[in-house]
Amino acid sequence: MVARVVDGRTLYVNTNAAPARVTLAGEQHDTLTGKAYTDRVDLPPYGVALLR
């Protein structure tokens, strides 16, 4: 798992062949999909999320 903060948004990239869970502080929105996540986001293998 790799995470980078850019301009107030965090890009999460699952670099593994297995799903990964990211714990969040409250609600955040994925800029790429428009989905809202509360407390966590589950990324599929090699999945990405750009949260704000």
N, C-alpha and C. Protein backbone atom coordinates (compact mmCIF):
# COMPACT_ATOMS: atom_id res chain seq x y z
N MET A 1 0.85 -1.17 0.00
CA MET A 1 0.00 0.00 0.00
C MET A 1 0.89 1.23 0.00
N VAL A 2 0.55 2.18 -0.85
CA VAL A 2 1.28 3.44 -0.94
C VAL A 2 0.26 4.57 -0.82
N ALA A 3 0.62 5.62 -0.08
CA ALA A 3 -0.26 6.79 0.05
C ALA A 3 0.56 8.06 -0.14
N ARG A 4 0.00 9.02 -0.86
CA ARG A 4 0.66 10.31 -1.08
C ARG A 4 -0.39 11.41 -0.94
N VAL A 5 -0.01 12.49 -0.27
CA VAL A 5 -0.90 13.64 -0.13
C VAL A 5 -0.47 14.70 -1.15
N VAL A 6 -1.44 15.16 -1.95
CA VAL A 6 -1.18 16.17 -2.97
C VAL A 6 -2.35 17.15 -2.96
N ASP A 7 -2.07 18.41 -2.73
CA ASP A 7 -3.09 19.47 -2.75
C ASP A 7 -4.30 19.14 -1.89
N GLY A 8 -4.06 18.61 -0.69
CA GLY A 8 -5.15 18.33 0.23
C GLY A 8 -5.92 17.05 -0.04
N ARG A 9 -5.52 16.31 -1.03
CA ARG A 9 -6.15 15.02 -1.34
C ARG A 9 -5.13 13.92 -1.12
N THR A 10 -5.62 12.73 -0.75
CA THR A 10 -4.72 11.60 -0.51
C THR A 10 -4.98 10.53 -1.56
N LEU A 11 -3.93 10.14 -2.25
CA LEU A 11 -4.00 9.08 -3.24
C LEU A 11 -3.52 7.79 -2.59
N TYR A 12 -4.39 6.80 -2.54
CA TYR A 12 -4.06 5.48 -2.02
C TYR A 12 -3.95 4.52 -3.19
N VAL A 13 -2.87 3.75 -3.22
CA VAL A 13 -2.67 2.75 -4.27
C VAL A 13 -2.35 1.42 -3.59
N ASN A 14 -3.18 0.42 -3.84
CA ASN A 14 -2.94 -0.91 -3.33
C ASN A 14 -1.97 -1.59 -4.30
N THR A 15 -0.75 -1.80 -3.86
CA THR A 15 0.28 -2.37 -4.72
C THR A 15 0.39 -3.89 -4.57
N ASN A 16 -0.61 -4.48 -3.94
CA ASN A 16 -0.59 -5.92 -3.67
C ASN A 16 -1.64 -6.66 -4.48
N ALA A 17 -1.47 -7.97 -4.58
CA ALA A 17 -2.43 -8.83 -5.29
C ALA A 17 -3.59 -9.24 -4.39
N ALA A 18 -3.64 -8.71 -3.17
CA ALA A 18 -4.70 -9.00 -2.22
C ALA A 18 -5.43 -7.70 -1.87
N PRO A 19 -6.71 -7.77 -1.49
CA PRO A 19 -7.44 -6.56 -1.08
C PRO A 19 -6.77 -5.91 0.13
N ALA A 20 -6.99 -4.59 0.27
CA ALA A 20 -6.41 -3.85 1.39
C ALA A 20 -7.47 -2.94 1.99
N ARG A 21 -7.43 -2.77 3.31
CA ARG A 21 -8.35 -1.89 4.01
C ARG A 21 -7.58 -0.68 4.53
N VAL A 22 -8.12 0.51 4.28
CA VAL A 22 -7.53 1.76 4.76
C VAL A 22 -8.49 2.36 5.78
N THR A 23 -7.98 2.65 6.97
CA THR A 23 -8.78 3.28 8.01
C THR A 23 -8.76 4.79 7.81
N LEU A 24 -9.95 5.41 7.85
CA LEU A 24 -10.09 6.84 7.63
C LEU A 24 -10.58 7.53 8.89
N ALA A 25 -10.34 8.82 8.97
CA ALA A 25 -10.87 9.63 10.06
C ALA A 25 -12.16 10.29 9.57
N GLY A 26 -13.30 9.68 9.86
CA GLY A 26 -14.57 10.25 9.44
C GLY A 26 -14.90 9.96 7.99
N GLU A 27 -15.70 10.87 7.40
CA GLU A 27 -16.15 10.67 6.02
C GLU A 27 -15.23 11.38 5.03
N GLN A 28 -14.93 10.69 3.94
CA GLN A 28 -14.15 11.26 2.85
C GLN A 28 -14.78 10.85 1.53
N HIS A 29 -14.52 11.63 0.49
CA HIS A 29 -15.09 11.37 -0.83
C HIS A 29 -13.99 11.03 -1.83
N ASP A 30 -14.29 10.06 -2.68
CA ASP A 30 -13.36 9.64 -3.72
C ASP A 30 -13.58 10.53 -4.95
N THR A 31 -12.58 11.28 -5.31
CA THR A 31 -12.65 12.19 -6.45
C THR A 31 -12.82 11.43 -7.76
N LEU A 32 -12.29 10.22 -7.84
CA LEU A 32 -12.35 9.44 -9.08
C LEU A 32 -13.73 8.83 -9.33
N THR A 33 -14.40 8.36 -8.27
CA THR A 33 -15.68 7.67 -8.44
C THR A 33 -16.88 8.44 -7.91
N GLY A 34 -16.64 9.43 -7.05
CA GLY A 34 -17.73 10.18 -6.45
C GLY A 34 -18.34 9.52 -5.22
N LYS A 35 -17.85 8.35 -4.86
CA LYS A 35 -18.38 7.62 -3.70
C LYS A 35 -17.89 8.26 -2.40
N ALA A 36 -18.73 8.16 -1.36
CA ALA A 36 -18.36 8.62 -0.03
C ALA A 36 -18.02 7.40 0.83
N TYR A 37 -16.98 7.54 1.64
CA TYR A 37 -16.56 6.46 2.53
C TYR A 37 -16.51 7.00 3.95
N THR A 38 -17.00 6.23 4.89
CA THR A 38 -16.99 6.60 6.29
C THR A 38 -16.15 5.60 7.06
N ASP A 39 -15.13 6.08 7.72
CA ASP A 39 -14.25 5.31 8.60
C ASP A 39 -13.30 4.34 7.90
N ARG A 40 -13.61 3.90 6.68
CA ARG A 40 -12.68 3.00 5.99
C ARG A 40 -13.02 2.92 4.50
N VAL A 41 -12.01 2.50 3.74
CA VAL A 41 -12.21 2.20 2.33
C VAL A 41 -11.49 0.88 2.07
N ASP A 42 -12.16 -0.02 1.38
CA ASP A 42 -11.57 -1.31 1.02
C ASP A 42 -11.17 -1.25 -0.45
N LEU A 43 -9.88 -1.38 -0.69
CA LEU A 43 -9.37 -1.34 -2.07
C LEU A 43 -9.17 -2.74 -2.61
N PRO A 44 -9.58 -2.98 -3.84
CA PRO A 44 -9.32 -4.28 -4.45
C PRO A 44 -7.84 -4.41 -4.78
N PRO A 45 -7.40 -5.59 -5.18
CA PRO A 45 -6.00 -5.74 -5.60
C PRO A 45 -5.66 -4.70 -6.67
N TYR A 46 -4.55 -4.00 -6.48
CA TYR A 46 -4.06 -2.97 -7.39
C TYR A 46 -5.06 -1.81 -7.59
N GLY A 47 -5.96 -1.64 -6.64
CA GLY A 47 -6.96 -0.57 -6.71
C GLY A 47 -6.40 0.76 -6.27
N VAL A 48 -7.10 1.84 -6.66
CA VAL A 48 -6.72 3.19 -6.27
C VAL A 48 -7.92 3.96 -5.75
N ALA A 49 -7.65 4.96 -4.91
CA ALA A 49 -8.67 5.88 -4.45
C ALA A 49 -8.00 7.23 -4.23
N LEU A 50 -8.66 8.29 -4.66
CA LEU A 50 -8.17 9.66 -4.46
C LEU A 50 -9.18 10.35 -3.56
N LEU A 51 -8.86 10.44 -2.28
CA LEU A 51 -9.82 10.92 -1.29
C LEU A 51 -9.57 12.35 -0.88
N ARG A 52 -10.68 13.05 -0.61
CA ARG A 52 -10.62 14.42 -0.10
C ARG A 52 -11.59 14.57 1.04
